[in-house]
Amino acid sequence: MDYTISSVLAAAGGGAGVPILALFGAAIACGIIIVGASLGIGMIGSKAVDSIARQPEAGSRIFIAMILAAALIEGVTFFALLICFLSVFWLRGAA
């Protein structure tokens, strides 16, 4: 795994100093990750409220499913942000 990340970041850098475009790409990726996760969790919450309003007797099961789905989205988001931050720190250390 280290070879693939290193080769992609080295190719994006062009070999001269801190690759500005690679840092910019990592920052844009972090923003896209946050926006995607927030939209996903917002949609989960809105659909859960709609379904609880339609079937109040199934509210506890819907709530549990909503919390589980939101936790899974947060987990994937944290891993993606970790990869972006590690790439930024790796690029700064390479300079």
Protein backbone atom coordinates (compact mmCIF):
# COMPACT_ATOMS: atom_id res chain seq x y z
CA MET A 1 0.00 0.00 0.00
CA ASP A 2 2.84 2.36 0.72
CA TYR A 3 4.18 1.90 -2.80
CA THR A 4 0.94 2.89 -4.46
CA ILE A 5 0.38 6.01 -2.36
CA SER A 6 4.03 7.03 -2.74
CA SER A 7 4.03 6.54 -6.49
CA VAL A 8 0.79 8.48 -6.99
CA LEU A 9 1.96 11.36 -4.83
CA ALA A 10 5.40 11.42 -6.45
CA ALA A 11 3.83 11.50 -9.90
CA ALA A 12 1.55 14.36 -8.87
CA GLY A 13 4.49 16.27 -7.48
CA GLY A 14 6.55 16.56 -10.60
CA GLY A 15 9.75 16.19 -8.59
CA ALA A 16 10.37 19.85 -7.67
CA GLY A 17 9.81 20.92 -4.05
CA VAL A 18 6.43 20.63 -2.39
CA PRO A 19 3.94 19.67 -5.07
CA ILE A 20 1.40 22.45 -4.82
CA LEU A 21 -1.16 20.72 -7.02
CA ALA A 22 -0.96 17.57 -4.90
CA LEU A 23 -1.57 19.59 -1.71
CA PHE A 24 -4.44 21.40 -3.42
CA GLY A 25 -5.91 18.07 -4.54
CA ALA A 26 -5.71 16.67 -1.00
CA ALA A 27 -7.47 19.77 0.35
CA ILE A 28 -10.21 19.51 -2.28
CA ALA A 29 -10.60 15.79 -1.50
CA CYS A 30 -11.05 16.59 2.20
CA GLY A 31 -13.79 19.07 1.35
CA ILE A 32 -15.58 16.62 -0.93
CA ILE A 33 -15.39 13.93 1.75
CA ILE A 34 -16.95 16.21 4.38
CA VAL A 35 -19.71 17.42 2.05
CA GLY A 36 -20.55 13.87 0.96
CA ALA A 37 -20.69 12.56 4.51
CA SER A 38 -22.84 15.44 5.71
CA LEU A 39 -25.27 14.99 2.82
CA GLY A 40 -25.47 11.26 3.49
CA ILE A 41 -26.14 11.65 7.20
CA GLY A 42 -28.66 14.42 6.50
CA MET A 43 -30.55 12.20 4.07
CA ILE A 44 -30.53 9.33 6.57
CA GLY A 45 -31.94 11.61 9.26
CA SER A 46 -34.65 13.10 7.06
CA LYS A 47 -35.80 9.73 5.73
CA ALA A 48 -35.80 8.28 9.25
CA VAL A 49 -37.99 11.10 10.53
CA ASP A 50 -40.35 10.64 7.57
CA SER A 51 -40.67 6.91 8.18
CA ILE A 52 -41.14 7.34 11.92
CA ALA A 53 -43.92 9.84 11.17
CA ARG A 54 -45.60 7.28 8.90
CA GLN A 55 -45.15 4.31 11.25
CA PRO A 56 -44.65 5.45 14.84
CA GLU A 57 -44.79 1.90 16.16
CA ALA A 58 -41.57 1.04 14.27
CA GLY A 59 -39.76 4.10 15.58
CA SER A 60 -37.25 2.27 17.75
CA ARG A 61 -36.14 -0.08 14.96
CA ILE A 62 -35.86 2.80 12.50
CA PHE A 63 -33.87 4.84 15.00
CA ILE A 64 -31.42 1.99 15.62
CA ALA A 65 -30.95 1.45 11.88
CA MET A 66 -30.41 5.19 11.41
CA ILE A 67 -27.73 5.35 14.12
CA LEU A 68 -25.94 2.31 12.69
CA ALA A 69 -25.93 3.74 9.16
CA ALA A 70 -24.70 7.12 10.39
CA ALA A 71 -21.91 5.46 12.37
CA LEU A 72 -20.79 3.50 9.30
CA ILE A 73 -20.73 6.69 7.23
CA GLU A 74 -18.68 8.45 9.92
CA GLY A 75 -16.22 5.55 10.03
CA VAL A 76 -15.62 5.65 6.28
CA THR A 77 -15.32 9.44 6.46
CA PHE A 78 -12.66 9.28 9.17
CA PHE A 79 -10.62 6.74 7.20
CA ALA A 80 -10.81 8.86 4.03
CA LEU A 81 -9.80 12.00 5.92
CA LEU A 82 -6.94 10.12 7.54
CA ILE A 83 -5.62 9.15 4.11
CA CYS A 84 -5.89 12.77 2.91
CA PHE A 85 -4.12 14.14 5.99
CA LEU A 86 -1.39 11.51 5.79
CA SER A 87 -0.78 12.39 2.16
CA VAL A 88 -0.49 16.09 3.04
CA PHE A 89 1.97 15.39 5.86
CA TRP A 90 3.91 12.97 3.66
CA LEU A 91 4.18 15.65 0.95
CA ARG A 92 5.38 18.27 3.43
CA GLY A 93 7.95 15.87 4.83
CA ALA A 94 9.25 15.09 1.34
CA ALA A 95 10.08 18.73 0.67
